[in-house]
Amino acid sequence: PLSFPQKLWVLVESDQIMSIWWSHGGHRIVIDQEMFKVEVLGMKGRLKVFEMENMKSFFRQLNLYGFTKIPRDHERSPSLPEFLAEEEALVAHRKVLVYYHLFFKRDYPQLLEHCKRR
């Protein structure tokens, strides 16, 4: 079975999942919290990705694996499509969260082996 960071990587890389994406530069992940709850944590049966079904448990896993929450004013996407997606979420009062991990970077899946549970 895949580890939590490996499952997260698959989600961020997927063109089918719209609630989580790479920030510009690929050094952070951006999560639309409300959409993620429905789209990912709400999956049932063989499509289910994580054992947890609520955001609190998901955040606990992120913390256990060393992900750091970045305040929103520190990370604004310079690419227009990402910026517009973030703006749309903000205007709709949806919570958009940004997380960072030293070894979780787009284009570097080999670093995932260093994402260890604390």
N, C-alpha and C. Protein backbone atom coordinates (compact mmCIF):
# COMPACT_ATOMS: atom_id res chain seq x y z
N PRO A 1 0.83 -1.21 0.00
CA PRO A 1 0.00 0.00 0.00
C PRO A 1 0.87 1.27 0.00
N LEU A 2 0.34 2.33 -0.56
CA LEU A 2 1.07 3.59 -0.62
C LEU A 2 1.04 4.30 0.73
N SER A 3 2.11 5.03 1.02
CA SER A 3 2.17 5.83 2.25
C SER A 3 1.31 7.09 2.07
N PHE A 4 1.07 7.81 3.15
CA PHE A 4 0.29 9.04 3.08
C PHE A 4 0.90 10.03 2.07
N PRO A 5 2.22 10.31 2.14
CA PRO A 5 2.80 11.24 1.17
C PRO A 5 2.68 10.75 -0.28
N GLN A 6 2.78 9.45 -0.51
CA GLN A 6 2.64 8.91 -1.87
C GLN A 6 1.21 9.10 -2.38
N LYS A 7 0.23 8.85 -1.53
CA LYS A 7 -1.18 9.06 -1.91
C LYS A 7 -1.43 10.53 -2.21
N LEU A 8 -0.88 11.40 -1.38
CA LEU A 8 -1.03 12.84 -1.57
C LEU A 8 -0.41 13.26 -2.90
N TRP A 9 0.75 12.71 -3.22
CA TRP A 9 1.44 13.01 -4.49
C TRP A 9 0.54 12.64 -5.68
N VAL A 10 -0.06 11.45 -5.61
CA VAL A 10 -0.93 10.98 -6.69
C VAL A 10 -2.09 11.96 -6.88
N LEU A 11 -2.66 12.43 -5.78
CA LEU A 11 -3.78 13.38 -5.86
C LEU A 11 -3.36 14.70 -6.50
N VAL A 12 -2.24 15.25 -6.05
CA VAL A 12 -1.78 16.54 -6.56
C VAL A 12 -1.43 16.45 -8.04
N GLU A 13 -0.91 15.31 -8.46
CA GLU A 13 -0.51 15.10 -9.85
C GLU A 13 -1.70 14.79 -10.77
N SER A 14 -2.83 14.41 -10.19
CA SER A 14 -3.99 14.00 -10.98
C SER A 14 -4.69 15.16 -11.68
N ASP A 15 -5.04 14.95 -12.93
CA ASP A 15 -5.83 15.94 -13.67
C ASP A 15 -7.31 15.84 -13.31
N GLN A 16 -7.70 14.76 -12.64
CA GLN A 16 -9.10 14.52 -12.29
C GLN A 16 -9.50 15.20 -10.97
N ILE A 17 -8.53 15.45 -10.11
CA ILE A 17 -8.79 16.03 -8.80
C ILE A 17 -8.57 17.54 -8.87
N MET A 18 -9.62 18.31 -8.58
CA MET A 18 -9.55 19.76 -8.74
C MET A 18 -9.38 20.52 -7.41
N SER A 19 -9.43 19.81 -6.30
CA SER A 19 -9.41 20.48 -4.99
C SER A 19 -8.01 20.63 -4.40
N ILE A 20 -7.00 20.08 -5.06
CA ILE A 20 -5.63 20.19 -4.57
C ILE A 20 -4.71 20.32 -5.78
N TRP A 21 -3.76 21.24 -5.71
CA TRP A 21 -2.87 21.48 -6.84
C TRP A 21 -1.53 22.02 -6.35
N TRP A 22 -0.55 21.99 -7.24
CA TRP A 22 0.77 22.54 -6.94
C TRP A 22 0.70 24.06 -7.02
N SER A 23 1.42 24.73 -6.15
CA SER A 23 1.57 26.19 -6.27
C SER A 23 2.50 26.45 -7.44
N HIS A 24 2.56 27.69 -7.87
CA HIS A 24 3.49 28.05 -8.94
C HIS A 24 4.90 27.70 -8.46
N GLY A 25 5.65 27.03 -9.27
CA GLY A 25 6.99 26.61 -8.89
C GLY A 25 7.03 25.19 -8.34
N GLY A 26 5.88 24.68 -7.91
CA GLY A 26 5.81 23.30 -7.46
C GLY A 26 6.46 22.97 -6.13
N HIS A 27 6.64 23.99 -5.27
CA HIS A 27 7.27 23.74 -3.97
C HIS A 27 6.27 23.66 -2.83
N ARG A 28 5.00 23.94 -3.15
CA ARG A 28 3.94 23.90 -2.13
C ARG A 28 2.69 23.28 -2.74
N ILE A 29 1.80 22.81 -1.87
CA ILE A 29 0.51 22.33 -2.36
C ILE A 29 -0.57 23.29 -1.86
N VAL A 30 -1.59 23.48 -2.69
CA VAL A 30 -2.70 24.36 -2.37
C VAL A 30 -3.95 23.48 -2.29
N ILE A 31 -4.73 23.67 -1.22
CA ILE A 31 -5.91 22.84 -0.99
C ILE A 31 -7.13 23.73 -0.81
N ASP A 32 -8.16 23.49 -1.62
CA ASP A 32 -9.47 24.13 -1.42
C ASP A 32 -10.19 23.23 -0.43
N GLN A 33 -10.24 23.67 0.82
CA GLN A 33 -10.70 22.81 1.92
C GLN A 33 -12.10 22.23 1.71
N GLU A 34 -13.07 23.06 1.38
CA GLU A 34 -14.45 22.57 1.23
C GLU A 34 -14.57 21.58 0.07
N MET A 35 -13.93 21.91 -1.04
CA MET A 35 -13.97 21.04 -2.21
C MET A 35 -13.26 19.71 -1.93
N PHE A 36 -12.12 19.77 -1.21
CA PHE A 36 -11.33 18.59 -0.87
C PHE A 36 -12.15 17.63 0.01
N LYS A 37 -12.90 18.21 0.96
CA LYS A 37 -13.75 17.40 1.85
C LYS A 37 -14.70 16.52 1.04
N VAL A 38 -15.32 17.11 0.03
CA VAL A 38 -16.30 16.39 -0.78
C VAL A 38 -15.61 15.49 -1.80
N GLU A 39 -14.67 16.06 -2.53
CA GLU A 39 -14.05 15.36 -3.66
C GLU A 39 -13.12 14.22 -3.25
N VAL A 40 -12.36 14.39 -2.19
CA VAL A 40 -11.38 13.37 -1.81
C VAL A 40 -11.80 12.61 -0.55
N LEU A 41 -12.07 13.32 0.52
CA LEU A 41 -12.41 12.64 1.77
C LEU A 41 -13.79 12.00 1.71
N GLY A 42 -14.62 12.45 0.77
CA GLY A 42 -15.96 11.89 0.61
C GLY A 42 -16.01 10.67 -0.30
N MET A 43 -14.87 10.28 -0.87
CA MET A 43 -14.84 9.10 -1.76
C MET A 43 -15.19 7.85 -0.98
N LYS A 44 -15.91 6.96 -1.63
CA LYS A 44 -16.35 5.71 -0.99
C LYS A 44 -15.85 4.50 -1.77
N GLY A 45 -15.88 3.35 -1.11
CA GLY A 45 -15.55 2.09 -1.78
C GLY A 45 -14.12 2.03 -2.29
N ARG A 46 -13.94 1.45 -3.45
CA ARG A 46 -12.58 1.25 -3.98
C ARG A 46 -11.92 2.55 -4.43
N LEU A 47 -12.70 3.63 -4.56
CA LEU A 47 -12.16 4.93 -4.94
C LEU A 47 -11.58 5.68 -3.73
N LYS A 48 -11.89 5.22 -2.53
CA LYS A 48 -11.44 5.88 -1.30
C LYS A 48 -9.91 5.93 -1.26
N VAL A 49 -9.38 7.12 -1.02
CA VAL A 49 -7.93 7.32 -1.01
C VAL A 49 -7.37 7.20 0.40
N PHE A 50 -7.96 7.92 1.35
CA PHE A 50 -7.49 7.94 2.73
C PHE A 50 -8.52 7.26 3.64
N GLU A 51 -8.05 6.75 4.76
CA GLU A 51 -8.95 6.12 5.73
C GLU A 51 -9.80 7.17 6.44
N MET A 52 -9.25 8.40 6.58
CA MET A 52 -9.98 9.43 7.31
C MET A 52 -11.08 10.04 6.45
N GLU A 53 -12.07 10.60 7.12
CA GLU A 53 -13.19 11.21 6.41
C GLU A 53 -13.38 12.67 6.79
N ASN A 54 -12.54 13.20 7.70
CA ASN A 54 -12.71 14.61 8.07
C ASN A 54 -11.38 15.36 7.96
N MET A 55 -11.48 16.67 7.82
CA MET A 55 -10.30 17.51 7.59
C MET A 55 -9.36 17.52 8.79
N LYS A 56 -9.89 17.43 9.99
CA LYS A 56 -9.05 17.46 11.18
C LYS A 56 -8.06 16.29 11.15
N SER A 57 -8.53 15.12 10.78
CA SER A 57 -7.65 13.95 10.69
C SER A 57 -6.65 14.10 9.54
N PHE A 58 -7.09 14.70 8.43
CA PHE A 58 -6.19 14.94 7.31
C PHE A 58 -5.08 15.91 7.72
N PHE A 59 -5.43 16.99 8.41
CA PHE A 59 -4.43 17.95 8.88
C PHE A 59 -3.46 17.30 9.85
N ARG A 60 -3.97 16.41 10.69
CA ARG A 60 -3.11 15.69 11.64
C ARG A 60 -2.07 14.87 10.89
N GLN A 61 -2.50 14.21 9.80
CA GLN A 61 -1.55 13.43 8.98
C GLN A 61 -0.50 14.34 8.35
N LEU A 62 -0.93 15.48 7.80
CA LEU A 62 0.02 16.43 7.23
C LEU A 62 1.07 16.81 8.28
N ASN A 63 0.61 17.12 9.48
CA ASN A 63 1.53 17.50 10.56
C ASN A 63 2.45 16.37 10.96
N LEU A 64 1.90 15.16 11.05
CA LEU A 64 2.72 13.99 11.42
C LEU A 64 3.85 13.75 10.43
N TYR A 65 3.61 14.10 9.16
CA TYR A 65 4.63 13.89 8.13
C TYR A 65 5.47 15.13 7.88
N GLY A 66 5.34 16.14 8.73
CA GLY A 66 6.22 17.30 8.66
C GLY A 66 5.83 18.40 7.70
N PHE A 67 4.59 18.42 7.23
CA PHE A 67 4.13 19.51 6.37
C PHE A 67 3.87 20.75 7.24
N THR A 68 4.18 21.91 6.71
CA THR A 68 4.01 23.17 7.42
C THR A 68 2.98 24.02 6.70
N LYS A 69 2.03 24.55 7.45
CA LYS A 69 1.02 25.44 6.87
C LYS A 69 1.65 26.81 6.65
N ILE A 70 1.45 27.35 5.44
CA ILE A 70 1.99 28.65 5.08
C ILE A 70 0.85 29.68 5.11
N PRO A 71 1.05 30.79 5.80
CA PRO A 71 0.00 31.83 5.79
C PRO A 71 -0.30 32.28 4.37
N ARG A 72 -1.57 32.54 4.07
CA ARG A 72 -2.01 32.88 2.71
C ARG A 72 -1.31 34.09 2.12
N ASP A 73 -1.00 35.10 2.93
CA ASP A 73 -0.41 36.31 2.38
C ASP A 73 1.04 36.11 1.94
N HIS A 74 1.63 34.97 2.28
CA HIS A 74 3.00 34.67 1.86
C HIS A 74 3.07 33.98 0.51
N GLU A 75 1.95 33.45 0.04
CA GLU A 75 1.97 32.66 -1.19
C GLU A 75 0.83 33.05 -2.10
N ARG A 76 1.13 33.82 -3.11
CA ARG A 76 0.15 34.14 -4.14
C ARG A 76 0.70 33.63 -5.46
N SER A 77 -0.09 32.89 -6.19
CA SER A 77 0.38 32.31 -7.44
C SER A 77 0.56 33.39 -8.51
N PRO A 78 1.74 33.44 -9.11
CA PRO A 78 1.95 34.40 -10.18
C PRO A 78 1.36 33.94 -11.52
N SER A 79 1.07 32.64 -11.65
CA SER A 79 0.50 32.19 -12.92
C SER A 79 -1.00 32.52 -12.94
N LEU A 80 -1.47 33.05 -14.04
CA LEU A 80 -2.85 33.53 -14.12
C LEU A 80 -3.91 32.48 -13.81
N PRO A 81 -3.86 31.26 -14.41
CA PRO A 81 -4.92 30.28 -14.10
C PRO A 81 -4.97 29.91 -12.61
N GLU A 82 -3.81 29.72 -11.98
CA GLU A 82 -3.78 29.37 -10.55
C GLU A 82 -4.28 30.54 -9.72
N PHE A 83 -3.83 31.74 -10.07
CA PHE A 83 -4.25 32.94 -9.34
C PHE A 83 -5.77 33.10 -9.41
N LEU A 84 -6.33 32.92 -10.60
CA LEU A 84 -7.79 33.05 -10.77
C LEU A 84 -8.55 31.99 -9.98
N ALA A 85 -8.03 30.77 -9.95
CA ALA A 85 -8.67 29.70 -9.18
C ALA A 85 -8.66 30.05 -7.69
N GLU A 86 -7.54 30.58 -7.21
CA GLU A 86 -7.44 30.96 -5.81
C GLU A 86 -8.37 32.14 -5.50
N GLU A 87 -8.41 33.12 -6.41
CA GLU A 87 -9.29 34.28 -6.23
C GLU A 87 -10.75 33.85 -6.19
N GLU A 88 -11.13 32.94 -7.10
CA GLU A 88 -12.51 32.45 -7.14
C GLU A 88 -12.87 31.80 -5.81
N ALA A 89 -11.96 31.01 -5.27
CA ALA A 89 -12.20 30.35 -3.98
C ALA A 89 -12.32 31.38 -2.86
N LEU A 90 -11.47 32.38 -2.88
CA LEU A 90 -11.51 33.41 -1.84
C LEU A 90 -12.80 34.23 -1.91
N VAL A 91 -13.20 34.59 -3.12
CA VAL A 91 -14.43 35.36 -3.31
C VAL A 91 -15.64 34.55 -2.83
N ALA A 92 -15.61 33.26 -3.05
CA ALA A 92 -16.70 32.38 -2.62
C ALA A 92 -16.60 32.03 -1.13
N HIS A 93 -15.63 32.66 -0.46
CA HIS A 93 -15.39 32.44 0.97
C HIS A 93 -15.03 30.99 1.29
N ARG A 94 -14.40 30.35 0.32
CA ARG A 94 -13.92 28.99 0.58
C ARG A 94 -12.52 29.11 1.16
N LYS A 95 -12.18 28.18 2.01
CA LYS A 95 -10.88 28.22 2.67
C LYS A 95 -9.84 27.55 1.78
N VAL A 96 -8.84 28.32 1.36
CA VAL A 96 -7.75 27.80 0.54
C VAL A 96 -6.51 27.77 1.43
N LEU A 97 -5.92 26.59 1.56
CA LEU A 97 -4.77 26.40 2.44
C LEU A 97 -3.52 26.05 1.62
N VAL A 98 -2.37 26.48 2.11
CA VAL A 98 -1.10 26.20 1.44
C VAL A 98 -0.20 25.47 2.43
N TYR A 99 0.39 24.35 1.96
CA TYR A 99 1.30 23.57 2.80
C TYR A 99 2.63 23.35 2.09
N TYR A 100 3.69 23.26 2.90
CA TYR A 100 5.05 23.08 2.40
C TYR A 100 5.72 21.91 3.11
N HIS A 101 6.53 21.19 2.34
CA HIS A 101 7.40 20.15 2.91
C HIS A 101 8.68 20.16 2.09
N LEU A 102 9.80 20.13 2.74
CA LEU A 102 11.11 20.19 2.08
C LEU A 102 11.26 19.13 0.99
N PHE A 103 10.69 17.94 1.22
CA PHE A 103 10.86 16.82 0.29
C PHE A 103 9.61 16.50 -0.53
N PHE A 104 8.68 17.42 -0.60
CA PHE A 104 7.46 17.21 -1.38
C PHE A 104 7.42 18.30 -2.45
N LYS A 105 7.99 17.97 -3.62
CA LYS A 105 8.12 18.96 -4.69
C LYS A 105 7.75 18.35 -6.03
N ARG A 106 7.03 19.14 -6.83
CA ARG A 106 6.67 18.71 -8.18
C ARG A 106 7.97 18.40 -8.94
N ASP A 107 7.91 17.36 -9.77
CA ASP A 107 9.04 16.92 -10.60
C ASP A 107 10.13 16.18 -9.83
N TYR A 108 9.95 15.96 -8.53
CA TYR A 108 10.96 15.25 -7.74
C TYR A 108 10.34 14.13 -6.90
N PRO A 109 9.67 13.17 -7.55
CA PRO A 109 9.03 12.09 -6.78
C PRO A 109 10.04 11.26 -5.98
N GLN A 110 11.30 11.25 -6.40
CA GLN A 110 12.31 10.48 -5.69
C GLN A 110 12.54 11.01 -4.26
N LEU A 111 12.15 12.25 -4.00
CA LEU A 111 12.31 12.82 -2.66
C LEU A 111 11.28 12.29 -1.67
N LEU A 112 10.21 11.68 -2.18
CA LEU A 112 9.14 11.18 -1.31
C LEU A 112 9.65 10.19 -0.26
N GLU A 113 10.69 9.44 -0.59
CA GLU A 113 11.23 8.47 0.37
C GLU A 113 11.74 9.14 1.64
N HIS A 114 11.99 10.45 1.58
CA HIS A 114 12.44 11.20 2.76
C HIS A 114 11.29 11.78 3.56
N CYS A 115 10.07 11.66 3.08
CA CYS A 115 8.88 12.13 3.82
C CYS A 115 8.49 11.03 4.80
N LYS A 116 9.03 11.13 5.99
CA LYS A 116 8.81 10.11 7.02
C LYS A 116 7.86 10.62 8.10
N ARG A 117 7.13 9.68 8.67
CA ARG A 117 6.26 10.02 9.78
C ARG A 117 7.12 10.32 11.01
N ARG A 118 6.76 11.38 11.71
CA ARG A 118 7.54 11.78 12.89
C ARG A 118 7.34 10.82 14.04
